[in-house]
Amino acid sequence: MKLIIIAAGQGSRIRSLTNGIPKTLLKLKGKSLLDRVLENAVTVGIKEAVIVTGYRSPDLETYVDNHRFEINVETVYNPNWDKANGLSVLAAKPLISHGEPFLISMSDHIYDARLLEKVSQSSLDHYDALVGLDFRINDIYDIDDGMKVSVDKSSNIKIIDMSKTLSRFDAIDCGVFKCNFSFFDALESANESGNYSLADGCNLLIDEGRMGGVDIGNLFWVDVDTQEAFELLV
């Protein structure tokens, strides 16, 4: 099962630290954010990763070419990197074997390897896609920017709504997904309607009762989207 790593964005909210380099190459305690995601993948036994590039793609491709990783890494360029992140997942579709499930991770999220393991080992028997959910909503850093999720916990954590603007919600999406290959169909359908985000594809599945969540419990994660978030980890 391959891991798609979304690393195409510009990272405008943290530009004061990146000085123009791709955000995923920002170093935290001597290791880039990308290195940390790949190390988590190795820890839980994932053998292949697809890194989706975009903003300053040559810089990221050079970084990958010049480093040895304990995992087979491919890169693919998203020419529409300045649009929403669902297009990055679609850019990786040709590198995913038809019919095979796959994982997705944001490249700028720092998290415990056990979080990736918990999502990767979760069953897709009831849903076409799953996302790691943090129910500790009173402890989320920068919750205003978080992807808010409402769920039906009585039904295998079925997701019933997902949006950054929800006024009532149960959890925050932590940016790690497990998907059946059919998730690409949902993203393509959203794309045809002019909706390009990962959440847009998820919401199509939600409408059909096919989107579920995985409770990450007390496992650590943080979205490194601002200088303030970065400084929490230094």
C-alpha atoms as a PDB file:
ATOM      1  CA  MET A   1       0.000   0.000   0.000  1.00  0.00           C
ATOM      2  CA  LYS A   2       1.524   3.302  -1.124  1.00  0.00           C
ATOM      3  CA  LEU A   3       1.539   6.551   0.810  1.00  0.00           C
ATOM      4  CA  ILE A   4       0.715   9.717  -1.137  1.00  0.00           C
ATOM      5  CA  ILE A   5       2.416  12.731   0.467  1.00  0.00           C
ATOM      6  CA  ILE A   6       0.943  16.103  -0.495  1.00  0.00           C
ATOM      7  CA  ALA A   7       3.873  18.516  -0.775  1.00  0.00           C
ATOM      8  CA  ALA A   8       2.821  20.835  -3.595  1.00  0.00           C
ATOM      9  CA  GLY A   9       1.697  23.957  -1.765  1.00  0.00           C
ATOM     10  CA  GLN A  10       3.469  27.267  -1.351  1.00  0.00           C
ATOM     11  CA  GLY A  11       3.126  27.543   2.423  1.00  0.00           C
ATOM     12  CA  SER A  12       2.297  31.247   2.347  1.00  0.00           C
ATOM     13  CA  ARG A  13       1.347  31.366   6.052  1.00  0.00           C
ATOM     14  CA  ILE A  14       4.830  30.284   7.113  1.00  0.00           C
ATOM     15  CA  ARG A  15       6.887  32.119   4.485  1.00  0.00           C
ATOM     16  CA  SER A  16       8.713  34.054   7.209  1.00  0.00           C
ATOM     17  CA  LEU A  17      10.592  30.814   7.996  1.00  0.00           C
ATOM     18  CA  THR A  18      10.854  29.071   4.631  1.00  0.00           C
ATOM     19  CA  ASN A  19      12.535  31.918   2.700  1.00  0.00           C
ATOM     20  CA  GLY A  20      10.985  30.613  -0.508  1.00  0.00           C
ATOM     21  CA  ILE A  21      11.876  26.924  -0.225  1.00  0.00           C
ATOM     22  CA  PRO A  22       9.075  24.329  -0.294  1.00  0.00           C
ATOM     23  CA  LYS A  23       7.586  24.201   3.210  1.00  0.00           C
ATOM     24  CA  THR A  24       8.099  20.461   3.485  1.00  0.00           C
ATOM     25  CA  LEU A  25      11.883  21.045   3.430  1.00  0.00           C
ATOM     26  CA  LEU A  26      11.723  23.275   6.496  1.00  0.00           C
ATOM     27  CA  LYS A  27      13.981  21.723   9.136  1.00  0.00           C
ATOM     28  CA  LEU A  28      12.789  21.007  12.633  1.00  0.00           C
ATOM     29  CA  LYS A  29      15.517  19.904  15.047  1.00  0.00           C
ATOM     30  CA  GLY A  30      17.779  18.985  12.131  1.00  0.00           C
ATOM     31  CA  LYS A  31      15.243  17.014  10.099  1.00  0.00           C
ATOM     32  CA  SER A  32      12.955  18.285   7.370  1.00  0.00           C
ATOM     33  CA  LEU A  33       9.204  17.915   7.747  1.00  0.00           C
ATOM     34  CA  LEU A  34       9.299  15.552   4.771  1.00  0.00           C
ATOM     35  CA  ASP A  35      11.958  13.370   6.421  1.00  0.00           C
ATOM     36  CA  ARG A  36       9.722  12.989   9.452  1.00  0.00           C
ATOM     37  CA  VAL A  37       6.736  11.808   7.404  1.00  0.00           C
ATOM     38  CA  LEU A  38       8.910   9.310   5.532  1.00  0.00           C
ATOM     39  CA  GLU A  39      10.448   8.024   8.775  1.00  0.00           C
ATOM     40  CA  ASN A  40       6.955   7.416  10.146  1.00  0.00           C
ATOM     41  CA  ALA A  41       6.127   5.453   7.007  1.00  0.00           C
ATOM     42  CA  VAL A  42       9.224   3.269   7.443  1.00  0.00           C
ATOM     43  CA  THR A  43       8.404   2.722  11.126  1.00  0.00           C
ATOM     44  CA  VAL A  44       4.976   1.266  10.325  1.00  0.00           C
ATOM     45  CA  GLY A  45       6.208  -0.879   7.428  1.00  0.00           C
ATOM     46  CA  ILE A  46       5.161   1.176   4.415  1.00  0.00           C
ATOM     47  CA  LYS A  47       7.568   0.488   1.566  1.00  0.00           C
ATOM     48  CA  GLU A  48       6.534   2.976  -1.133  1.00  0.00           C
ATOM     49  CA  ALA A  49       5.701   6.688  -1.145  1.00  0.00           C
ATOM     50  CA  VAL A  50       4.599   9.126  -3.842  1.00  0.00           C
ATOM     51  CA  ILE A  51       5.551  12.737  -3.154  1.00  0.00           C
ATOM     52  CA  VAL A  52       3.397  15.238  -5.037  1.00  0.00           C
ATOM     53  CA  THR A  53       5.418  18.340  -5.896  1.00  0.00           C
ATOM     54  CA  GLY A  54       4.289  21.738  -7.141  1.00  0.00           C
ATOM     55  CA  TYR A  55       5.663  25.036  -5.856  1.00  0.00           C
ATOM     56  CA  ARG A  56       9.396  25.127  -6.632  1.00  0.00           C
ATOM     57  CA  SER A  57       9.188  21.519  -7.713  1.00  0.00           C
ATOM     58  CA  PRO A  58      12.857  21.316  -8.879  1.00  0.00           C
ATOM     59  CA  ASP A  59      14.047  22.126  -5.354  1.00  0.00           C
ATOM     60  CA  LEU A  60      12.026  19.289  -3.891  1.00  0.00           C
ATOM     61  CA  GLU A  61      12.951  16.837  -6.645  1.00  0.00           C
ATOM     62  CA  THR A  62      16.644  17.652  -6.164  1.00  0.00           C
ATOM     63  CA  TYR A  63      16.294  17.070  -2.425  1.00  0.00           C
ATOM     64  CA  VAL A  64      14.724  13.654  -3.024  1.00  0.00           C
ATOM     65  CA  ASP A  65      17.326  12.701  -5.649  1.00  0.00           C
ATOM     66  CA  ASN A  66      20.199  13.638  -3.328  1.00  0.00           C
ATOM     67  CA  HIS A  67      18.976  11.722  -0.284  1.00  0.00           C
ATOM     68  CA  ARG A  68      18.772   8.060   0.531  1.00  0.00           C
ATOM     69  CA  PHE A  69      15.567   7.003   2.189  1.00  0.00           C
ATOM     70  CA  GLU A  70      14.674   3.644   3.708  1.00  0.00           C
ATOM     71  CA  ILE A  71      11.597   3.612   1.498  1.00  0.00           C
ATOM     72  CA  ASN A  72      11.082   3.655  -2.258  1.00  0.00           C
ATOM     73  CA  VAL A  73      10.178   7.248  -3.188  1.00  0.00           C
ATOM     74  CA  GLU A  74       8.677   8.537  -6.437  1.00  0.00           C
ATOM     75  CA  THR A  75       7.773  12.128  -7.244  1.00  0.00           C
ATOM     76  CA  VAL A  76       5.001  13.451  -9.455  1.00  0.00           C
ATOM     77  CA  TYR A  77       4.369  17.069 -10.416  1.00  0.00           C
ATOM     78  CA  ASN A  78       0.996  18.746  -9.924  1.00  0.00           C
ATOM     79  CA  PRO A  79       0.803  21.578 -12.491  1.00  0.00           C
ATOM     80  CA  ASN A  80      -2.237  22.953 -10.657  1.00  0.00           C
ATOM     81  CA  TRP A  81      -0.428  23.206  -7.327  1.00  0.00           C
ATOM     82  CA  ASP A  82      -1.809  26.696  -6.730  1.00  0.00           C
ATOM     83  CA  LYS A  83      -5.332  25.253  -6.500  1.00  0.00           C
ATOM     84  CA  ALA A  84      -6.812  23.062  -3.756  1.00  0.00           C
ATOM     85  CA  ASN A  85      -5.117  19.877  -2.561  1.00  0.00           C
ATOM     86  CA  GLY A  86      -7.485  17.339  -4.103  1.00  0.00           C
ATOM     87  CA  LEU A  87      -5.711  17.956  -7.397  1.00  0.00           C
ATOM     88  CA  SER A  88      -2.453  16.798  -5.822  1.00  0.00           C
ATOM     89  CA  VAL A  89      -4.034  13.473  -4.903  1.00  0.00           C
ATOM     90  CA  LEU A  90      -5.358  13.107  -8.445  1.00  0.00           C
ATOM     91  CA  ALA A  91      -1.875  13.843  -9.822  1.00  0.00           C
ATOM     92  CA  ALA A  92      -0.660  10.730  -7.982  1.00  0.00           C
ATOM     93  CA  LYS A  93      -3.364   8.451  -9.417  1.00  0.00           C
ATOM     94  CA  PRO A  94      -1.210   7.082 -12.303  1.00  0.00           C
ATOM     95  CA  LEU A  95       1.308   5.814  -9.733  1.00  0.00           C
ATOM     96  CA  ILE A  96      -1.266   3.859  -7.706  1.00  0.00           C
ATOM     97  CA  SER A  97      -2.060   0.334  -8.928  1.00  0.00           C
ATOM     98  CA  HIS A  98      -5.652   0.166 -10.171  1.00  0.00           C
ATOM     99  CA  GLY A  99      -7.994  -1.132  -7.510  1.00  0.00           C
ATOM    100  CA  GLU A 100      -5.429  -0.929  -4.710  1.00  0.00           C
ATOM    101  CA  PRO A 101      -6.057   1.023  -1.477  1.00  0.00           C
ATOM    102  CA  PHE A 102      -3.646   3.796  -0.563  1.00  0.00           C
ATOM    103  CA  LEU A 103      -2.777   6.238   2.205  1.00  0.00           C
ATOM    104  CA  ILE A 104      -2.579  10.037   2.126  1.00  0.00           C
ATOM    105  CA  SER A 105      -0.590  12.319   4.402  1.00  0.00           C
ATOM    106  CA  MET A 106      -0.053  16.040   4.474  1.00  0.00           C
ATOM    107  CA  SER A 107       3.685  16.755   4.291  1.00  0.00           C
ATOM    108  CA  ASP A 108       3.525  19.571   6.852  1.00  0.00           C
ATOM    109  CA  HIS A 109       1.880  17.614   9.662  1.00  0.00           C
ATOM    110  CA  ILE A 110       4.090  16.277  12.432  1.00  0.00           C
ATOM    111  CA  TYR A 111       2.596  13.228  14.132  1.00  0.00           C
ATOM    112  CA  ASP A 112       3.326  10.103  16.128  1.00  0.00           C
ATOM    113  CA  ALA A 113       4.091   7.117  13.875  1.00  0.00           C
ATOM    114  CA  ARG A 114       1.418   5.208  15.789  1.00  0.00           C
ATOM    115  CA  LEU A 115      -1.182   7.570  14.322  1.00  0.00           C
ATOM    116  CA  LEU A 116      -0.213   6.528  10.792  1.00  0.00           C
ATOM    117  CA  GLU A 117      -0.184   2.904  11.907  1.00  0.00           C
ATOM    118  CA  LYS A 118      -3.650   3.162  13.438  1.00  0.00           C
ATOM    119  CA  VAL A 119      -5.146   4.657  10.269  1.00  0.00           C
ATOM    120  CA  SER A 120      -3.302   2.260   7.949  1.00  0.00           C
ATOM    121  CA  GLN A 121      -4.500  -0.798   9.870  1.00  0.00           C
ATOM    122  CA  SER A 122      -8.125   0.337  10.010  1.00  0.00           C
ATOM    123  CA  SER A 123     -10.655  -1.561   7.925  1.00  0.00           C
ATOM    124  CA  LEU A 124     -12.321  -0.138   4.815  1.00  0.00           C
ATOM    125  CA  ASP A 125     -15.107  -2.721   5.024  1.00  0.00           C
ATOM    126  CA  HIS A 126     -17.759  -0.087   5.752  1.00  0.00           C
ATOM    127  CA  TYR A 127     -16.370   2.958   3.914  1.00  0.00           C
ATOM    128  CA  ASP A 128     -14.507   4.050   0.783  1.00  0.00           C
ATOM    129  CA  ALA A 129     -12.265   6.364   2.798  1.00  0.00           C
ATOM    130  CA  LEU A 130     -11.209   6.949   6.396  1.00  0.00           C
ATOM    131  CA  VAL A 131      -9.512   9.908   8.046  1.00  0.00           C
ATOM    132  CA  GLY A 132      -7.775  10.177  11.398  1.00  0.00           C
ATOM    133  CA  LEU A 133      -9.869  12.252  13.802  1.00  0.00           C
ATOM    134  CA  ASP A 134      -8.875  14.091  16.973  1.00  0.00           C
ATOM    135  CA  PHE A 135     -11.811  14.379  19.366  1.00  0.00           C
ATOM    136  CA  ARG A 136      -9.841  16.555  21.840  1.00  0.00           C
ATOM    137  CA  ILE A 137     -11.377  19.698  20.395  1.00  0.00           C
ATOM    138  CA  ASN A 138     -10.586  21.809  23.454  1.00  0.00           C
ATOM    139  CA  ASP A 139      -6.864  21.150  22.993  1.00  0.00           C
ATOM    140  CA  ILE A 140      -6.436  21.749  19.247  1.00  0.00           C
ATOM    141  CA  TYR A 141      -3.885  24.400  18.298  1.00  0.00           C
ATOM    142  CA  ASP A 142      -5.178  26.927  15.724  1.00  0.00           C
ATOM    143  CA  ILE A 143      -8.588  25.270  15.698  1.00  0.00           C
ATOM    144  CA  ASP A 144     -10.066  28.102  13.592  1.00  0.00           C
ATOM    145  CA  ASP A 145      -8.077  26.780  10.616  1.00  0.00           C
ATOM    146  CA  GLY A 146      -8.790  23.118  11.380  1.00  0.00           C
ATOM    147  CA  MET A 147     -10.985  20.905   9.216  1.00  0.00           C
ATOM    148  CA  LYS A 148     -13.988  20.349  11.460  1.00  0.00           C
ATOM    149  CA  VAL A 149     -15.908  17.089  11.366  1.00  0.00           C
ATOM    150  CA  SER A 150     -19.264  15.929  12.709  1.00  0.00           C
ATOM    151  CA  VAL A 151     -19.740  12.200  13.221  1.00  0.00           C
ATOM    152  CA  ASP A 152     -22.243   9.532  14.122  1.00  0.00           C
ATOM    153  CA  LYS A 153     -20.245   7.578  16.698  1.00  0.00           C
ATOM    154  CA  SER A 154     -22.905   4.897  16.975  1.00  0.00           C
ATOM    155  CA  SER A 155     -22.183   3.751  13.412  1.00  0.00           C
ATOM    156  CA  ASN A 156     -18.440   2.962  13.094  1.00  0.00           C
ATOM    157  CA  ILE A 157     -17.627   6.696  13.364  1.00  0.00           C
ATOM    158  CA  LYS A 158     -19.547   7.590  10.216  1.00  0.00           C
ATOM    159  CA  ILE A 159     -18.759  11.158   9.151  1.00  0.00           C
ATOM    160  CA  ILE A 160     -21.874  13.234   8.559  1.00  0.00           C
ATOM    161  CA  ASP A 161     -20.336  16.643   7.824  1.00  0.00           C
ATOM    162  CA  MET A 162     -16.905  18.146   7.116  1.00  0.00           C
ATOM    163  CA  SER A 163     -16.007  21.833   6.730  1.00  0.00           C
ATOM    164  CA  LYS A 164     -13.712  24.441   8.240  1.00  0.00           C
ATOM    165  CA  THR A 165     -16.779  26.575   8.913  1.00  0.00           C
ATOM    166  CA  LEU A 166     -18.895  24.165  10.990  1.00  0.00           C
ATOM    167  CA  SER A 167     -20.184  25.833  14.139  1.00  0.00           C
ATOM    168  CA  ARG A 168     -20.895  22.506  15.843  1.00  0.00           C
ATOM    169  CA  PHE A 169     -18.489  19.621  15.418  1.00  0.00           C
ATOM    170  CA  ASP A 170     -17.062  16.603  17.199  1.00  0.00           C
ATOM    171  CA  ALA A 171     -13.498  16.316  15.948  1.00  0.00           C
ATOM    172  CA  ILE A 172     -10.715  17.744  13.776  1.00  0.00           C
ATOM    173  CA  ASP A 173      -9.315  15.975  10.705  1.00  0.00           C
ATOM    174  CA  CYS A 174      -5.606  15.357  11.392  1.00  0.00           C
ATOM    175  CA  GLY A 175      -4.561  14.979   7.740  1.00  0.00           C
ATOM    176  CA  VAL A 176      -3.923  11.222   7.457  1.00  0.00           C
ATOM    177  CA  PHE A 177      -6.258   9.148   5.252  1.00  0.00           C
ATOM    178  CA  LYS A 178      -6.763   5.584   4.091  1.00  0.00           C
ATOM    179  CA  CYS A 179      -8.720   5.244   0.858  1.00  0.00           C
ATOM    180  CA  ASN A 180     -10.022   2.704  -1.584  1.00  0.00           C
ATOM    181  CA  PHE A 181      -9.061   3.338  -5.203  1.00  0.00           C
ATOM    182  CA  SER A 182     -12.641   4.543  -5.756  1.00  0.00           C
ATOM    183  CA  PHE A 183     -11.771   7.704  -3.809  1.00  0.00           C
ATOM    184  CA  PHE A 184     -10.213   8.979  -7.024  1.00  0.00           C
ATOM    185  CA  ASP A 185     -13.695   8.798  -8.590  1.00  0.00           C
ATOM    186  CA  ALA A 186     -15.064  11.089  -5.877  1.00  0.00           C
ATOM    187  CA  LEU A 187     -12.233  13.576  -6.414  1.00  0.00           C
ATOM    188  CA  GLU A 188     -12.788  13.531 -10.176  1.00  0.00           C
ATOM    189  CA  SER A 189     -16.540  14.087  -9.723  1.00  0.00           C
ATOM    190  CA  ALA A 190     -15.858  17.050  -7.438  1.00  0.00           C
ATOM    191  CA  ASN A 191     -13.325  18.370  -9.941  1.00  0.00           C
ATOM    192  CA  GLU A 192     -15.896  18.283 -12.732  1.00  0.00           C
ATOM    193  CA  SER A 193     -18.093  20.561 -10.605  1.00  0.00           C
ATOM    194  CA  GLY A 194     -15.248  23.026 -10.058  1.00  0.00           C
ATOM    195  CA  ASN A 195     -14.492  21.802  -6.526  1.00  0.00           C
ATOM    196  CA  TYR A 196     -10.850  20.862  -6.136  1.00  0.00           C
ATOM    197  CA  SER A 197     -10.150  20.141  -2.473  1.00  0.00           C
ATOM    198  CA  LEU A 198      -9.695  16.859  -0.671  1.00  0.00           C
ATOM    199  CA  ALA A 199     -12.641  17.844   1.526  1.00  0.00           C
ATOM    200  CA  ASP A 200     -14.822  18.277  -1.586  1.00  0.00           C
ATOM    201  CA  GLY A 201     -14.185  14.654  -2.520  1.00  0.00           C
ATOM    202  CA  CYS A 202     -14.806  13.581   1.059  1.00  0.00           C
ATOM    203  CA  ASN A 203     -18.122  15.433   1.134  1.00  0.00           C
ATOM    204  CA  LEU A 204     -19.342  13.540  -1.913  1.00  0.00           C
ATOM    205  CA  LEU A 205     -18.640  10.314  -0.027  1.00  0.00           C
ATOM    206  CA  ILE A 206     -20.295  11.742   3.095  1.00  0.00           C
ATOM    207  CA  ASP A 207     -23.475  12.384   1.087  1.00  0.00           C
ATOM    208  CA  GLU A 208     -23.506   8.684   0.195  1.00  0.00           C
ATOM    209  CA  GLY A 209     -22.640   7.454   3.714  1.00  0.00           C
ATOM    210  CA  ARG A 210     -19.261   6.186   2.538  1.00  0.00           C
ATOM    211  CA  MET A 211     -16.828   8.302   4.612  1.00  0.00           C
ATOM    212  CA  GLY A 212     -15.618   7.195   8.035  1.00  0.00           C
ATOM    213  CA  GLY A 213     -13.229   8.266  10.765  1.00  0.00           C
ATOM    214  CA  VAL A 214     -10.538   6.713  12.946  1.00  0.00           C
ATOM    215  CA  ASP A 215     -10.286   7.967  16.529  1.00  0.00           C
ATOM    216  CA  ILE A 216      -6.580   8.729  17.142  1.00  0.00           C
ATOM    217  CA  GLY A 217      -7.084   8.824  20.905  1.00  0.00           C
ATOM    218  CA  ASN A 218      -4.267  10.610  22.729  1.00  0.00           C
ATOM    219  CA  LEU A 219      -1.714  10.373  19.914  1.00  0.00           C
ATOM    220  CA  PHE A 220       0.283  13.506  19.096  1.00  0.00           C
ATOM    221  CA  TRP A 221      -0.046  15.558  15.922  1.00  0.00           C
ATOM    222  CA  VAL A 222       0.221  19.193  14.868  1.00  0.00           C
ATOM    223  CA  ASP A 223      -0.262  21.042  11.588  1.00  0.00           C
ATOM    224  CA  VAL A 224       2.886  23.117  11.016  1.00  0.00           C
ATOM    225  CA  ASP A 225       1.122  25.845   9.080  1.00  0.00           C
ATOM    226  CA  THR A 226       2.386  28.984  10.813  1.00  0.00           C
ATOM    227  CA  GLN A 227       5.521  30.258  12.496  1.00  0.00           C
ATOM    228  CA  GLU A 228       3.729  30.017  15.834  1.00  0.00           C
ATOM    229  CA  ALA A 229       2.951  26.311  15.272  1.00  0.00           C
ATOM    230  CA  PHE A 230       6.570  25.657  14.285  1.00  0.00           C
ATOM    231  CA  GLU A 231       7.864  27.368  17.399  1.00  0.00           C
ATOM    232  CA  LEU A 232       5.703  25.101  19.577  1.00  0.00           C
ATOM    233  CA  LEU A 233       7.881  22.201  18.426  1.00  0.00           C
ATOM    234  CA  VAL A 234      11.340  23.766  18.588  1.00  0.00           C
END
